[in-house]
Amino acid sequence: MIRFLLERWAFFAVPFAVWGLYVLLMYRTRRLPPPRTPWTSLFIAGLALVALSFIVLGFTEGYPSNGTYVAPHVVNGKIVPGTVEKNP
């Protein structure tokens, strides 16, 4: 669960990191004062990346849906987890 949350925070932080690199490069090459930070645009871009990651996750992850589901059951006092058996 922690990995899942850290991945989403990383997606959210990408626009802020790109903006920071842009400002750093502009300041080093031209010696200009840093421009105003577009916080709203960066926040919306970060949320869009997180939402896109959820959409991609929904289409690419998951269990196979072709087959017969065998519910969890007990065999010799041990719990056997549920599985999906492929149909012949």
Protein backbone atom coordinates (compact mmCIF):
# COMPACT_ATOMS: atom_id res chain seq x y z
CA MET A 1 0.00 0.00 0.00
CA ILE A 2 2.85 2.35 0.80
CA ARG A 3 4.43 1.68 -2.62
CA PHE A 4 1.10 2.45 -4.26
CA LEU A 5 0.84 5.79 -2.44
CA LEU A 6 4.48 6.71 -3.09
CA GLU A 7 4.02 6.06 -6.80
CA ARG A 8 1.00 8.39 -6.88
CA TRP A 9 2.91 11.09 -4.98
CA ALA A 10 5.75 10.74 -7.48
CA PHE A 11 3.32 11.30 -10.37
CA PHE A 12 1.90 14.31 -8.56
CA ALA A 13 5.38 15.77 -7.98
CA VAL A 14 6.56 15.48 -11.62
CA PRO A 15 5.17 18.87 -12.79
CA PHE A 16 6.70 20.62 -9.79
CA ALA A 17 10.08 18.99 -10.43
CA VAL A 18 9.99 19.93 -14.11
CA TRP A 19 9.11 23.53 -13.20
CA GLY A 20 11.94 23.62 -10.67
CA LEU A 21 14.44 22.37 -13.26
CA TYR A 22 13.18 24.95 -15.75
CA VAL A 23 13.60 27.80 -13.26
CA LEU A 24 17.03 26.51 -12.23
CA LEU A 25 18.25 26.33 -15.83
CA MET A 26 16.81 29.73 -16.72
CA TYR A 27 18.39 31.32 -13.67
CA ARG A 28 21.80 29.76 -14.32
CA THR A 29 21.98 30.58 -18.02
CA ARG A 30 20.49 34.07 -18.15
CA ARG A 31 20.75 35.30 -14.57
CA LEU A 32 17.11 36.30 -14.59
CA PRO A 33 15.01 36.58 -11.46
CA PRO A 34 12.81 33.52 -11.04
CA PRO A 35 9.35 33.94 -12.58
CA ARG A 36 6.17 33.63 -10.56
CA THR A 37 5.24 30.02 -9.92
CA PRO A 38 1.98 28.88 -11.56
CA TRP A 39 0.83 26.86 -8.54
CA THR A 40 -2.67 26.24 -9.86
CA SER A 41 -1.46 24.91 -13.21
CA LEU A 42 1.15 22.70 -11.56
CA PHE A 43 -1.44 21.34 -9.11
CA ILE A 44 -3.92 20.57 -11.91
CA ALA A 45 -1.20 18.92 -14.01
CA GLY A 46 -0.19 16.77 -11.04
CA LEU A 47 -3.79 15.72 -10.42
CA ALA A 48 -4.20 14.92 -14.11
CA LEU A 49 -1.13 12.65 -14.00
CA VAL A 50 -2.47 10.86 -10.91
CA ALA A 51 -5.88 10.40 -12.56
CA LEU A 52 -4.20 9.11 -15.73
CA SER A 53 -2.20 6.64 -13.65
CA PHE A 54 -5.43 5.31 -12.12
CA ILE A 55 -6.97 4.92 -15.58
CA VAL A 56 -3.92 3.07 -16.91
CA LEU A 57 -3.85 0.91 -13.78
CA GLY A 58 -7.51 0.04 -14.28
CA PHE A 59 -6.96 -1.08 -17.86
CA THR A 60 -3.71 -2.97 -17.35
CA GLU A 61 -4.02 -4.60 -13.93
CA GLY A 62 -6.40 -7.14 -12.55
CA TYR A 63 -7.05 -10.82 -12.52
CA PRO A 64 -7.84 -12.86 -15.60
CA SER A 65 -11.55 -13.02 -16.20
CA ASN A 66 -11.60 -16.05 -18.45
CA GLY A 67 -12.08 -19.24 -16.48
CA THR A 68 -13.98 -20.65 -13.54
CA TYR A 69 -13.62 -19.06 -10.12
CA VAL A 70 -12.98 -21.48 -7.25
CA ALA A 71 -13.85 -19.88 -3.93
CA PRO A 72 -11.54 -20.13 -0.91
CA HIS A 73 -12.05 -23.36 0.98
CA VAL A 74 -10.55 -25.40 3.81
CA VAL A 75 -8.55 -28.58 3.09
CA ASN A 76 -7.14 -30.57 6.02
CA GLY A 77 -7.51 -27.59 8.33
CA LYS A 78 -5.66 -25.18 6.00
CA ILE A 79 -7.27 -22.36 4.04
CA VAL A 80 -6.74 -22.62 0.30
CA PRO A 81 -7.10 -19.19 -1.34
CA GLY A 82 -9.55 -18.60 -4.16
CA THR A 83 -8.26 -19.04 -7.71
CA VAL A 84 -9.39 -18.77 -11.30
CA GLU A 85 -8.99 -22.05 -13.18
CA LYS A 86 -8.70 -21.86 -16.94
CA ASN A 87 -11.46 -23.46 -18.95
CA PRO A 88 -10.33 -26.24 -21.33
